[in-house]
Amino acid sequence: MPDETTTFDMIAIGDTTQDIFLGMSDASVQCDINDEHCRICFDYADKIVVDTKTDVPAVGNAANHAIGMARLGLRAAVYTVIGDDVQGHLAADIFRENGVDPRYVTFDEKNGTNFSAVINYQGERTILVYHEPRDYQLPPLESTRWIYLTSASGDGVAALHEQVGTYLEDNPDVQMAFNPGTHQMHLGKEKLMPLLKRTNSLFLNREESARVLGVETSDVKELCGMYHKIGVKLMVMTDGPDGSYVSDGKTIWFLPIFDGPVIERTGAGDSYGSGFLAAILSGKPVNEAMLWGNANSTSVVEKIGAREGLLNQDGIAEGIAKNTQYVPEEFAKF
């Protein structure tokens, strides 16, 4: 339950970006013989018609999570480094407008705000990502119940991880949720191990779960068991349109996605994560937290971009009430 003795319920730590969504119809998808490893294709060295363009500032895993938690009534802040440019100052304004405390937002005078071009084709997104180089200097943080560590840029990742590790050593009562981004996963299992050992809730999709460990298996129980042996307390594994799994080391729960229209899937995982973690921080059990995650994610994929569909608590309750046929089921026991 919320603890009023702390300044924050959660501080998100990670990058912020500006997304530009390009809706396309003049393309095709080609897959291998097993309908896997699909590629989006359009004509080389040609001008490709874009049907729609939508600008979405102040997004990225940390931003999405902080705003998602704030909309659900929790006291959220974000440590992020953004450019001292129009996009960066717009992002800071959006944090304020959405109830996220911006005191740890840092403006980089040398490098601009991160940028992503998102190709939206037939409801799926392909993202072209540009991360600016960053020098992270984690500031002294006010008291918080949780931190949420996620995607950060290139060469600065290792230093940020060391700073977070030191913070956790100095603040043993603070819980950590961890959602590694691409640069973090590239560090490999051994370099991530100190943080994984300290992780309360780990958020990964099924493919990422195997990639971080460097294993071939896609078996949910095996993967969850490996993370629990490291020290992860709650393993939250999303599986795209096939649903989600959550393991507490004793029971693995499974929940299909709610039925509904899909306009664009960017932010589906982040919205599930912020809904799930907001429920956990509000004292809800794991199976109810999965429903919060589903409701939030279902709303987000009905919109373009990762922020517009994020729900408040009334929206979560309404989303769950519309989908009472979906109930988390016991998938496996340890």
C-alpha atoms as a PDB file:
ATOM      1  CA  MET A   1       0.000   0.000   0.000  1.00  0.00           C
ATOM      2  CA  PRO A   2       1.152   3.604  -0.508  1.00  0.00           C
ATOM      3  CA  ASP A   3       3.654   4.778   2.093  1.00  0.00           C
ATOM      4  CA  GLU A   4       3.269   8.487   2.826  1.00  0.00           C
ATOM      5  CA  THR A   5       6.608   8.568   4.665  1.00  0.00           C
ATOM      6  CA  THR A   6       8.398   8.590   1.296  1.00  0.00           C
ATOM      7  CA  THR A   7       8.486  11.437  -1.228  1.00  0.00           C
ATOM      8  CA  PHE A   8       7.774   9.172  -4.197  1.00  0.00           C
ATOM      9  CA  ASP A   9       6.230   5.810  -4.908  1.00  0.00           C
ATOM     10  CA  MET A  10       8.450   5.318  -7.951  1.00  0.00           C
ATOM     11  CA  ILE A  11      11.303   7.074  -9.760  1.00  0.00           C
ATOM     12  CA  ALA A  12      11.832   5.983 -13.372  1.00  0.00           C
ATOM     13  CA  ILE A  13      15.410   6.054 -14.686  1.00  0.00           C
ATOM     14  CA  GLY A  14      16.093   6.007 -18.418  1.00  0.00           C
ATOM     15  CA  ASP A  15      15.986   7.800 -21.744  1.00  0.00           C
ATOM     16  CA  THR A  16      13.298   9.951 -23.311  1.00  0.00           C
ATOM     17  CA  THR A  17      12.705  10.264 -27.027  1.00  0.00           C
ATOM     18  CA  GLN A  18      10.648  12.040 -29.669  1.00  0.00           C
ATOM     19  CA  ASP A  19       8.682   9.581 -31.842  1.00  0.00           C
ATOM     20  CA  ILE A  20       7.415  10.368 -35.316  1.00  0.00           C
ATOM     21  CA  PHE A  21       4.913   7.802 -36.587  1.00  0.00           C
ATOM     22  CA  LEU A  22       4.714   7.197 -40.324  1.00  0.00           C
ATOM     23  CA  GLY A  23       1.624   5.296 -41.422  1.00  0.00           C
ATOM     24  CA  MET A  24       2.305   3.329 -44.617  1.00  0.00           C
ATOM     25  CA  SER A  25       0.307   1.223 -47.046  1.00  0.00           C
ATOM     26  CA  ASP A  26       2.843   1.050 -49.908  1.00  0.00           C
ATOM     27  CA  ALA A  27       4.854  -1.841 -48.458  1.00  0.00           C
ATOM     28  CA  SER A  28       4.778  -5.612 -48.049  1.00  0.00           C
ATOM     29  CA  VAL A  29       5.873  -8.204 -45.485  1.00  0.00           C
ATOM     30  CA  GLN A  30       8.021 -11.186 -46.439  1.00  0.00           C
ATOM     31  CA  CYS A  31       8.625 -14.054 -44.003  1.00  0.00           C
ATOM     32  CA  ASP A  32      10.645 -17.256 -44.085  1.00  0.00           C
ATOM     33  CA  ILE A  33       9.022 -20.642 -44.688  1.00  0.00           C
ATOM     34  CA  ASN A  34       7.867 -20.918 -41.051  1.00  0.00           C
ATOM     35  CA  ASP A  35       6.259 -17.460 -41.091  1.00  0.00           C
ATOM     36  CA  GLU A  36       8.989 -16.250 -38.747  1.00  0.00           C
ATOM     37  CA  HIS A  37      11.770 -13.662 -39.149  1.00  0.00           C
ATOM     38  CA  CYS A  38       9.523 -11.369 -41.156  1.00  0.00           C
ATOM     39  CA  ARG A  39      10.770  -8.241 -42.926  1.00  0.00           C
ATOM     40  CA  ILE A  40       8.955  -5.145 -44.090  1.00  0.00           C
ATOM     41  CA  CYS A  41       9.808  -4.361 -47.704  1.00  0.00           C
ATOM     42  CA  PHE A  42       9.454  -1.350 -49.952  1.00  0.00           C
ATOM     43  CA  ASP A  43      11.199  -0.309 -53.154  1.00  0.00           C
ATOM     44  CA  TYR A  44      14.885   0.506 -52.898  1.00  0.00           C
ATOM     45  CA  ALA A  45      16.066   3.946 -54.056  1.00  0.00           C
ATOM     46  CA  ASP A  46      12.509   5.190 -54.535  1.00  0.00           C
ATOM     47  CA  LYS A  47      10.238   7.785 -52.946  1.00  0.00           C
ATOM     48  CA  ILE A  48       7.810   5.993 -50.655  1.00  0.00           C
ATOM     49  CA  VAL A  49       4.440   7.582 -50.012  1.00  0.00           C
ATOM     50  CA  VAL A  50       3.613   8.008 -46.322  1.00  0.00           C
ATOM     51  CA  ASP A  51      -0.110   8.099 -45.582  1.00  0.00           C
ATOM     52  CA  THR A  52      -0.013   9.731 -42.143  1.00  0.00           C
ATOM     53  CA  LYS A  53       2.475  11.456 -39.833  1.00  0.00           C
ATOM     54  CA  THR A  54       2.012  11.839 -36.082  1.00  0.00           C
ATOM     55  CA  ASP A  55       4.512  13.502 -33.704  1.00  0.00           C
ATOM     56  CA  VAL A  56       4.614  12.120 -30.153  1.00  0.00           C
ATOM     57  CA  PRO A  57       7.123  13.808 -27.796  1.00  0.00           C
ATOM     58  CA  ALA A  58       8.148  12.714 -24.296  1.00  0.00           C
ATOM     59  CA  VAL A  59       8.053   8.948 -24.798  1.00  0.00           C
ATOM     60  CA  GLY A  60      10.455   6.073 -24.270  1.00  0.00           C
ATOM     61  CA  ASN A  61      10.324   3.342 -21.634  1.00  0.00           C
ATOM     62  CA  ALA A  62      11.060   5.556 -18.613  1.00  0.00           C
ATOM     63  CA  ALA A  63       8.737   8.349 -19.729  1.00  0.00           C
ATOM     64  CA  ASN A  64       5.917   5.959 -20.596  1.00  0.00           C
ATOM     65  CA  HIS A  65       6.225   4.216 -17.264  1.00  0.00           C
ATOM     66  CA  ALA A  66       6.407   7.386 -15.177  1.00  0.00           C
ATOM     67  CA  ILE A  67       3.386   8.925 -16.893  1.00  0.00           C
ATOM     68  CA  GLY A  68       1.490   5.640 -16.694  1.00  0.00           C
ATOM     69  CA  MET A  69       2.090   5.400 -12.952  1.00  0.00           C
ATOM     70  CA  ALA A  70       1.178   9.056 -12.374  1.00  0.00           C
ATOM     71  CA  ARG A  71      -2.108   8.665 -14.233  1.00  0.00           C
ATOM     72  CA  LEU A  72      -2.880   5.755 -11.918  1.00  0.00           C
ATOM     73  CA  GLY A  73      -2.539   7.986  -8.875  1.00  0.00           C
ATOM     74  CA  LEU A  74       1.006   7.188  -7.762  1.00  0.00           C
ATOM     75  CA  ARG A  75       3.699   9.729  -6.933  1.00  0.00           C
ATOM     76  CA  ALA A  76       6.123   9.422  -9.835  1.00  0.00           C
ATOM     77  CA  ALA A  77       9.322  11.180 -10.883  1.00  0.00           C
ATOM     78  CA  VAL A  78      11.773  10.576 -13.716  1.00  0.00           C
ATOM     79  CA  TYR A  79      15.542  10.862 -14.072  1.00  0.00           C
ATOM     80  CA  THR A  80      16.221  11.366 -17.744  1.00  0.00           C
ATOM     81  CA  VAL A  81      18.741  13.275 -19.864  1.00  0.00           C
ATOM     82  CA  ILE A  82      17.214  15.183 -22.778  1.00  0.00           C
ATOM     83  CA  GLY A  83      18.478  17.761 -25.225  1.00  0.00           C
ATOM     84  CA  ASP A  84      18.428  21.453 -24.386  1.00  0.00           C
ATOM     85  CA  ASP A  85      16.246  21.938 -27.459  1.00  0.00           C
ATOM     86  CA  VAL A  86      12.598  22.428 -28.398  1.00  0.00           C
ATOM     87  CA  GLN A  87      11.832  18.715 -28.143  1.00  0.00           C
ATOM     88  CA  GLY A  88      13.533  18.408 -24.760  1.00  0.00           C
ATOM     89  CA  HIS A  89      11.730  21.353 -23.170  1.00  0.00           C
ATOM     90  CA  LEU A  90       8.441  20.132 -24.638  1.00  0.00           C
ATOM     91  CA  ALA A  91       9.080  16.754 -22.980  1.00  0.00           C
ATOM     92  CA  ALA A  92       9.643  18.423 -19.604  1.00  0.00           C
ATOM     93  CA  ASP A  93       6.360  20.320 -20.002  1.00  0.00           C
ATOM     94  CA  ILE A  94       4.539  17.082 -20.797  1.00  0.00           C
ATOM     95  CA  PHE A  95       5.929  15.436 -17.662  1.00  0.00           C
ATOM     96  CA  ARG A  96       4.548  18.306 -15.576  1.00  0.00           C
ATOM     97  CA  GLU A  97       1.172  18.225 -17.333  1.00  0.00           C
ATOM     98  CA  ASN A  98       0.861  14.505 -16.590  1.00  0.00           C
ATOM     99  CA  GLY A  99       1.719  14.759 -12.912  1.00  0.00           C
ATOM    100  CA  VAL A 100       5.315  13.465 -13.141  1.00  0.00           C
ATOM    101  CA  ASP A 101       7.758  15.377 -10.940  1.00  0.00           C
ATOM    102  CA  PRO A 102      10.462  16.807 -13.270  1.00  0.00           C
ATOM    103  CA  ARG A 103      13.077  17.689 -10.649  1.00  0.00           C
ATOM    104  CA  TYR A 104      15.521  15.081 -11.966  1.00  0.00           C
ATOM    105  CA  VAL A 105      15.137  15.983 -15.648  1.00  0.00           C
ATOM    106  CA  THR A 106      18.577  17.005 -16.939  1.00  0.00           C
ATOM    107  CA  PHE A 107      19.165  19.085 -20.076  1.00  0.00           C
ATOM    108  CA  ASP A 108      22.172  18.151 -22.230  1.00  0.00           C
ATOM    109  CA  GLU A 109      23.653  21.282 -23.817  1.00  0.00           C
ATOM    110  CA  LYS A 110      25.867  19.330 -26.251  1.00  0.00           C
ATOM    111  CA  ASN A 111      23.562  16.614 -27.577  1.00  0.00           C
ATOM    112  CA  GLY A 112      19.949  16.800 -28.672  1.00  0.00           C
ATOM    113  CA  THR A 113      16.870  14.804 -27.731  1.00  0.00           C
ATOM    114  CA  ASN A 114      16.696  11.189 -28.865  1.00  0.00           C
ATOM    115  CA  PHE A 115      14.648  10.501 -31.988  1.00  0.00           C
ATOM    116  CA  SER A 116      12.723   7.532 -33.394  1.00  0.00           C
ATOM    117  CA  ALA A 117      10.933   7.105 -36.713  1.00  0.00           C
ATOM    118  CA  VAL A 118       8.177   4.514 -36.308  1.00  0.00           C
ATOM    119  CA  ILE A 119       6.891   2.810 -39.451  1.00  0.00           C
ATOM    120  CA  ASN A 120       3.324   1.704 -38.784  1.00  0.00           C
ATOM    121  CA  TYR A 121       2.171  -0.972 -41.225  1.00  0.00           C
ATOM    122  CA  GLN A 122      -0.837  -3.233 -40.699  1.00  0.00           C
ATOM    123  CA  GLY A 123      -0.911  -2.560 -36.952  1.00  0.00           C
ATOM    124  CA  GLU A 124       2.721  -3.519 -36.297  1.00  0.00           C
ATOM    125  CA  ARG A 125       5.556  -1.086 -35.809  1.00  0.00           C
ATOM    126  CA  THR A 126       9.124  -1.076 -37.045  1.00  0.00           C
ATOM    127  CA  ILE A 127      11.242   1.484 -35.203  1.00  0.00           C
ATOM    128  CA  LEU A 128      14.316   3.305 -36.485  1.00  0.00           C
ATOM    129  CA  VAL A 129      16.048   4.528 -33.329  1.00  0.00           C
ATOM    130  CA  TYR A 130      18.703   7.212 -32.875  1.00  0.00           C
ATOM    131  CA  HIS A 131      20.166   7.559 -29.378  1.00  0.00           C
ATOM    132  CA  GLU A 132      22.325  10.585 -28.611  1.00  0.00           C
ATOM    133  CA  PRO A 133      25.504   9.912 -26.615  1.00  0.00           C
ATOM    134  CA  ARG A 134      24.886  10.502 -22.910  1.00  0.00           C
ATOM    135  CA  ASP A 135      26.930  11.104 -19.782  1.00  0.00           C
ATOM    136  CA  TYR A 136      24.694   9.985 -16.929  1.00  0.00           C
ATOM    137  CA  GLN A 137      25.170  11.457 -13.469  1.00  0.00           C
ATOM    138  CA  LEU A 138      22.470  10.032 -11.217  1.00  0.00           C
ATOM    139  CA  PRO A 139      21.543  12.862  -8.828  1.00  0.00           C
ATOM    140  CA  PRO A 140      20.828  12.412  -5.124  1.00  0.00           C
ATOM    141  CA  LEU A 141      17.289  11.026  -5.048  1.00  0.00           C
ATOM    142  CA  GLU A 142      14.575  11.875  -2.567  1.00  0.00           C
ATOM    143  CA  SER A 143      13.082   8.954  -0.643  1.00  0.00           C
ATOM    144  CA  THR A 144      11.160   6.511  -2.813  1.00  0.00           C
ATOM    145  CA  ARG A 145       9.591   3.088  -2.423  1.00  0.00           C
ATOM    146  CA  TRP A 146      10.724   1.857  -5.847  1.00  0.00           C
ATOM    147  CA  ILE A 147      12.956   2.737  -8.755  1.00  0.00           C
ATOM    148  CA  TYR A 148      12.244   1.599 -12.299  1.00  0.00           C
ATOM    149  CA  LEU A 149      15.395   1.168 -14.420  1.00  0.00           C
ATOM    150  CA  THR A 150      15.049   0.902 -18.152  1.00  0.00           C
ATOM    151  CA  SER A 151      16.458   1.829 -21.576  1.00  0.00           C
ATOM    152  CA  ALA A 152      19.545   4.056 -21.635  1.00  0.00           C
ATOM    153  CA  SER A 153      22.033   5.033 -24.348  1.00  0.00           C
ATOM    154  CA  GLY A 154      25.164   3.358 -25.637  1.00  0.00           C
ATOM    155  CA  ASP A 155      28.437   4.015 -23.883  1.00  0.00           C
ATOM    156  CA  GLY A 156      26.768   5.627 -20.865  1.00  0.00           C
ATOM    157  CA  VAL A 157      24.871   2.485 -19.834  1.00  0.00           C
ATOM    158  CA  ALA A 158      27.653   0.823 -17.838  1.00  0.00           C
ATOM    159  CA  ALA A 159      28.304   3.972 -15.796  1.00  0.00           C
ATOM    160  CA  LEU A 160      24.588   4.406 -15.106  1.00  0.00           C
ATOM    161  CA  HIS A 161      24.314   0.804 -13.935  1.00  0.00           C
ATOM    162  CA  GLU A 162      27.215   1.331 -11.547  1.00  0.00           C
ATOM    163  CA  GLN A 163      25.555   4.456 -10.154  1.00  0.00           C
ATOM    164  CA  VAL A 164      22.234   2.634  -9.698  1.00  0.00           C
ATOM    165  CA  GLY A 165      24.017  -0.274  -8.025  1.00  0.00           C
ATOM    166  CA  THR A 166      25.664   2.101  -5.557  1.00  0.00           C
ATOM    167  CA  TYR A 167      22.308   3.759  -4.865  1.00  0.00           C
ATOM    168  CA  LEU A 168      20.707   0.377  -4.115  1.00  0.00           C
ATOM    169  CA  GLU A 169      23.543  -0.589  -1.783  1.00  0.00           C
ATOM    170  CA  ASP A 170      23.028   2.670   0.112  1.00  0.00           C
ATOM    171  CA  ASN A 171      19.233   2.253   0.139  1.00  0.00           C
ATOM    172  CA  PRO A 172      18.514  -1.429   0.829  1.00  0.00           C
ATOM    173  CA  ASP A 173      14.811  -0.845   1.486  1.00  0.00           C
ATOM    174  CA  VAL A 174      14.181   0.520  -2.020  1.00  0.00           C
ATOM    175  CA  GLN A 175      12.716  -2.048  -4.438  1.00  0.00           C
ATOM    176  CA  MET A 176      13.743  -2.110  -8.101  1.00  0.00           C
ATOM    177  CA  ALA A 177      11.781  -2.914 -11.237  1.00  0.00           C
ATOM    178  CA  PHE A 178      14.037  -3.553 -14.245  1.00  0.00           C
ATOM    179  CA  ASN A 179      13.104  -3.452 -17.924  1.00  0.00           C
ATOM    180  CA  PRO A 180      16.387  -3.674 -19.862  1.00  0.00           C
ATOM    181  CA  GLY A 181      16.562  -1.826 -23.166  1.00  0.00           C
ATOM    182  CA  THR A 182      18.545  -2.864 -26.234  1.00  0.00           C
ATOM    183  CA  HIS A 183      21.876  -1.350 -25.154  1.00  0.00           C
ATOM    184  CA  GLN A 184      21.502  -2.929 -21.725  1.00  0.00           C
ATOM    185  CA  MET A 185      20.735  -6.375 -23.127  1.00  0.00           C
ATOM    186  CA  HIS A 186      23.819  -6.107 -25.328  1.00  0.00           C
ATOM    187  CA  LEU A 187      25.947  -5.963 -22.167  1.00  0.00           C
ATOM    188  CA  GLY A 188      25.157  -9.636 -21.614  1.00  0.00           C
ATOM    189  CA  LYS A 189      24.137 -11.709 -18.629  1.00  0.00           C
ATOM    190  CA  GLU A 190      27.315 -11.364 -16.567  1.00  0.00           C
ATOM    191  CA  LYS A 191      27.393  -7.574 -16.650  1.00  0.00           C
ATOM    192  CA  LEU A 192      23.671  -7.419 -15.848  1.00  0.00           C
ATOM    193  CA  MET A 193      23.979  -9.945 -13.022  1.00  0.00           C
ATOM    194  CA  PRO A 194      24.549  -7.448 -10.140  1.00  0.00           C
ATOM    195  CA  LEU A 195      21.323  -5.636 -11.024  1.00  0.00           C
ATOM    196  CA  LEU A 196      19.359  -8.814 -11.733  1.00  0.00           C
ATOM    197  CA  LYS A 197      20.239 -10.113  -8.278  1.00  0.00           C
ATOM    198  CA  ARG A 198      18.716  -6.966  -6.804  1.00  0.00           C
ATOM    199  CA  THR A 199      15.601  -6.920  -8.997  1.00  0.00           C
ATOM    200  CA  ASN A 200      12.186  -7.343  -7.438  1.00  0.00           C
ATOM    201  CA  SER A 201      10.170  -7.211 -10.698  1.00  0.00           C
ATOM    202  CA  LEU A 202      11.755  -7.956 -14.070  1.00  0.00           C
ATOM    203  CA  PHE A 203       9.882  -7.018 -17.262  1.00  0.00           C
ATOM    204  CA  LEU A 204      10.900  -8.738 -20.509  1.00  0.00           C
ATOM    205  CA  ASN A 205       9.147 -10.300 -23.453  1.00  0.00           C
ATOM    206  CA  ARG A 206       9.596 -14.004 -24.130  1.00  0.00           C
ATOM    207  CA  GLU A 207      12.341 -13.614 -26.739  1.00  0.00           C
ATOM    208  CA  GLU A 208      14.238 -11.084 -24.635  1.00  0.00           C
ATOM    209  CA  SER A 209      14.056 -13.387 -21.618  1.00  0.00           C
ATOM    210  CA  ALA A 210      16.095 -15.998 -23.483  1.00  0.00           C
ATOM    211  CA  ARG A 211      18.422 -13.426 -25.083  1.00  0.00           C
ATOM    212  CA  VAL A 212      19.482 -11.871 -21.768  1.00  0.00           C
ATOM    213  CA  LEU A 213      20.369 -15.291 -20.358  1.00  0.00           C
ATOM    214  CA  GLY A 214      22.061 -16.397 -23.579  1.00  0.00           C
ATOM    215  CA  VAL A 215      19.975 -19.587 -23.825  1.00  0.00           C
ATOM    216  CA  GLU A 216      18.064 -21.253 -26.652  1.00  0.00           C
ATOM    217  CA  THR A 217      14.995 -22.389 -24.730  1.00  0.00           C
ATOM    218  CA  SER A 218      11.693 -20.539 -25.037  1.00  0.00           C
ATOM    219  CA  ASP A 219      10.027 -22.624 -22.321  1.00  0.00           C
ATOM    220  CA  VAL A 220       8.300 -20.234 -19.937  1.00  0.00           C
ATOM    221  CA  LYS A 221       8.803 -22.327 -16.790  1.00  0.00           C
ATOM    222  CA  GLU A 222      12.475 -22.918 -17.522  1.00  0.00           C
ATOM    223  CA  LEU A 223      13.131 -19.238 -18.183  1.00  0.00           C
ATOM    224  CA  CYS A 224      11.269 -18.090 -15.085  1.00  0.00           C
ATOM    225  CA  GLY A 225      13.124 -20.643 -12.980  1.00  0.00           C
ATOM    226  CA  MET A 226      16.490 -19.397 -14.239  1.00  0.00           C
ATOM    227  CA  TYR A 227      15.663 -15.812 -13.273  1.00  0.00           C
ATOM    228  CA  HIS A 228      14.379 -16.821  -9.842  1.00  0.00           C
ATOM    229  CA  LYS A 229      17.654 -18.665  -9.198  1.00  0.00           C
ATOM    230  CA  ILE A 230      19.499 -15.408  -9.909  1.00  0.00           C
ATOM    231  CA  GLY A 231      17.355 -13.588  -7.362  1.00  0.00           C
ATOM    232  CA  VAL A 232      14.505 -12.023  -9.335  1.00  0.00           C
ATOM    233  CA  LYS A 233      11.378 -12.130  -7.169  1.00  0.00           C
ATOM    234  CA  LEU A 234       8.661 -11.418  -9.771  1.00  0.00           C
ATOM    235  CA  MET A 235       9.212 -12.384 -13.415  1.00  0.00           C
ATOM    236  CA  VAL A 236       6.796 -10.567 -15.731  1.00  0.00           C
ATOM    237  CA  MET A 237       7.011 -12.025 -19.245  1.00  0.00           C
ATOM    238  CA  THR A 238       4.921 -10.629 -22.060  1.00  0.00           C
ATOM    239  CA  ASP A 239       4.350 -12.656 -25.215  1.00  0.00           C
ATOM    240  CA  GLY A 240       2.838 -10.138 -27.631  1.00  0.00           C
ATOM    241  CA  PRO A 241      -0.607 -11.122 -28.902  1.00  0.00           C
ATOM    242  CA  ASP A 242      -0.241 -14.493 -27.128  1.00  0.00           C
ATOM    243  CA  GLY A 243      -0.682 -12.942 -23.668  1.00  0.00           C
ATOM    244  CA  SER A 244       1.487 -12.623 -20.563  1.00  0.00           C
ATOM    245  CA  TYR A 245       2.969 -14.733 -17.790  1.00  0.00           C
ATOM    246  CA  VAL A 246       3.896 -13.731 -14.245  1.00  0.00           C
ATOM    247  CA  SER A 247       5.866 -15.934 -11.863  1.00  0.00           C
ATOM    248  CA  ASP A 248       6.484 -15.375  -8.151  1.00  0.00           C
ATOM    249  CA  GLY A 249       8.746 -18.421  -7.834  1.00  0.00           C
ATOM    250  CA  LYS A 250       5.921 -20.659  -6.669  1.00  0.00           C
ATOM    251  CA  THR A 251       3.190 -20.205  -9.283  1.00  0.00           C
ATOM    252  CA  ILE A 252       3.236 -19.022 -12.897  1.00  0.00           C
ATOM    253  CA  TRP A 253       0.057 -17.264 -13.976  1.00  0.00           C
ATOM    254  CA  PHE A 254      -1.081 -16.827 -17.583  1.00  0.00           C
ATOM    255  CA  LEU A 255      -3.494 -14.251 -19.000  1.00  0.00           C
ATOM    256  CA  PRO A 256      -4.550 -13.876 -22.668  1.00  0.00           C
ATOM    257  CA  ILE A 257      -4.746 -10.369 -24.094  1.00  0.00           C
ATOM    258  CA  PHE A 258      -8.136  -8.655 -24.049  1.00  0.00           C
ATOM    259  CA  ASP A 259      -9.994  -8.597 -27.336  1.00  0.00           C
ATOM    260  CA  GLY A 260     -10.078  -5.213 -29.046  1.00  0.00           C
ATOM    261  CA  PRO A 261      -8.939  -3.205 -32.066  1.00  0.00           C
ATOM    262  CA  VAL A 262      -5.214  -2.720 -32.627  1.00  0.00           C
ATOM    263  CA  ILE A 263      -4.192   0.526 -34.285  1.00  0.00           C
ATOM    264  CA  GLU A 264      -0.519   0.524 -33.353  1.00  0.00           C
ATOM    265  CA  ARG A 265       1.459  -1.520 -30.789  1.00  0.00           C
ATOM    266  CA  THR A 266       4.144   0.927 -29.623  1.00  0.00           C
ATOM    267  CA  GLY A 267       4.091   1.160 -25.835  1.00  0.00           C
ATOM    268  CA  ALA A 268       2.099  -2.038 -25.311  1.00  0.00           C
ATOM    269  CA  GLY A 269       4.756  -3.527 -23.038  1.00  0.00           C
ATOM    270  CA  ASP A 270       5.369  -0.297 -21.132  1.00  0.00           C
ATOM    271  CA  SER A 271       1.659   0.229 -20.509  1.00  0.00           C
ATOM    272  CA  TYR A 272       1.263  -3.353 -19.302  1.00  0.00           C
ATOM    273  CA  GLY A 273       4.236  -2.806 -17.002  1.00  0.00           C
ATOM    274  CA  SER A 274       3.015   0.471 -15.534  1.00  0.00           C
ATOM    275  CA  GLY A 275      -0.460  -0.948 -14.958  1.00  0.00           C
ATOM    276  CA  PHE A 276       0.943  -4.089 -13.372  1.00  0.00           C
ATOM    277  CA  LEU A 277       3.405  -2.285 -11.118  1.00  0.00           C
ATOM    278  CA  ALA A 278       0.871   0.371 -10.080  1.00  0.00           C
ATOM    279  CA  ALA A 279      -1.388  -2.442  -8.899  1.00  0.00           C
ATOM    280  CA  ILE A 280       1.441  -4.121  -6.978  1.00  0.00           C
ATOM    281  CA  LEU A 281       2.366  -0.828  -5.308  1.00  0.00           C
ATOM    282  CA  SER A 282      -1.311  -0.367  -4.430  1.00  0.00           C
ATOM    283  CA  GLY A 283      -1.343  -3.689  -2.586  1.00  0.00           C
ATOM    284  CA  LYS A 284      -3.067  -5.823  -5.238  1.00  0.00           C
ATOM    285  CA  PRO A 285      -2.202  -9.520  -5.722  1.00  0.00           C
ATOM    286  CA  VAL A 286      -0.339 -10.699  -8.807  1.00  0.00           C
ATOM    287  CA  ASN A 287      -3.379 -12.035 -10.654  1.00  0.00           C
ATOM    288  CA  GLU A 288      -5.251  -8.737 -10.226  1.00  0.00           C
ATOM    289  CA  ALA A 289      -2.153  -6.771 -11.260  1.00  0.00           C
ATOM    290  CA  MET A 290      -2.114  -8.718 -14.539  1.00  0.00           C
ATOM    291  CA  LEU A 291      -5.636  -7.478 -15.258  1.00  0.00           C
ATOM    292  CA  TRP A 292      -4.512  -3.883 -14.618  1.00  0.00           C
ATOM    293  CA  GLY A 293      -1.667  -4.424 -17.077  1.00  0.00           C
ATOM    294  CA  ASN A 294      -3.977  -5.892 -19.693  1.00  0.00           C
ATOM    295  CA  ALA A 295      -6.516  -3.084 -19.424  1.00  0.00           C
ATOM    296  CA  ASN A 296      -3.817  -0.433 -19.791  1.00  0.00           C
ATOM    297  CA  SER A 297      -2.137  -2.168 -22.736  1.00  0.00           C
ATOM    298  CA  THR A 298      -5.451  -2.772 -24.532  1.00  0.00           C
ATOM    299  CA  SER A 299      -6.219   0.946 -24.340  1.00  0.00           C
ATOM    300  CA  VAL A 300      -2.769   2.016 -25.569  1.00  0.00           C
ATOM    301  CA  VAL A 301      -2.763  -0.128 -28.715  1.00  0.00           C
ATOM    302  CA  GLU A 302      -6.067   1.477 -29.740  1.00  0.00           C
ATOM    303  CA  LYS A 303      -4.205   4.793 -30.172  1.00  0.00           C
ATOM    304  CA  ILE A 304      -1.145   5.998 -32.077  1.00  0.00           C
ATOM    305  CA  GLY A 305       1.828   6.352 -29.748  1.00  0.00           C
ATOM    306  CA  ALA A 306       2.684   5.104 -26.287  1.00  0.00           C
ATOM    307  CA  ARG A 307       1.026   7.789 -24.153  1.00  0.00           C
ATOM    308  CA  GLU A 308      -2.434   8.759 -25.372  1.00  0.00           C
ATOM    309  CA  GLY A 309      -4.167   5.560 -24.266  1.00  0.00           C
ATOM    310  CA  LEU A 310      -2.672   5.350 -20.756  1.00  0.00           C
ATOM    311  CA  LEU A 311      -5.528   5.024 -18.271  1.00  0.00           C
ATOM    312  CA  ASN A 312      -6.453   6.371 -14.860  1.00  0.00           C
ATOM    313  CA  GLN A 313      -7.896   4.072 -12.190  1.00  0.00           C
ATOM    314  CA  ASP A 314     -11.473   4.547 -13.416  1.00  0.00           C
ATOM    315  CA  GLY A 315     -10.344   3.551 -16.898  1.00  0.00           C
ATOM    316  CA  ILE A 316      -8.624   0.449 -15.533  1.00  0.00           C
ATOM    317  CA  ALA A 317     -11.781  -0.576 -13.662  1.00  0.00           C
ATOM    318  CA  GLU A 318     -13.882  -0.023 -16.779  1.00  0.00           C
ATOM    319  CA  GLY A 319     -11.471  -2.014 -18.952  1.00  0.00           C
ATOM    320  CA  ILE A 320     -11.513  -4.964 -16.557  1.00  0.00           C
ATOM    321  CA  ALA A 321     -15.321  -4.814 -16.224  1.00  0.00           C
ATOM    322  CA  LYS A 322     -15.655  -5.076 -20.018  1.00  0.00           C
ATOM    323  CA  ASN A 323     -13.505  -8.204 -20.093  1.00  0.00           C
ATOM    324  CA  THR A 324     -14.723 -10.361 -17.223  1.00  0.00           C
ATOM    325  CA  GLN A 325     -14.350 -13.468 -19.413  1.00  0.00           C
ATOM    326  CA  TYR A 326     -10.572 -13.110 -19.063  1.00  0.00           C
ATOM    327  CA  VAL A 327      -9.215 -14.459 -15.774  1.00  0.00           C
ATOM    328  CA  PRO A 328      -5.563 -15.234 -14.955  1.00  0.00           C
ATOM    329  CA  GLU A 329      -5.104 -18.985 -14.853  1.00  0.00           C
ATOM    330  CA  GLU A 330      -2.480 -21.105 -13.147  1.00  0.00           C
ATOM    331  CA  PHE A 331      -0.001 -22.099 -15.847  1.00  0.00           C
ATOM    332  CA  ALA A 332       2.571 -24.047 -13.831  1.00  0.00           C
ATOM    333  CA  LYS A 333       3.888 -24.698 -10.340  1.00  0.00           C
ATOM    334  CA  PHE A 334       7.486 -24.934  -9.174  1.00  0.00           C
END
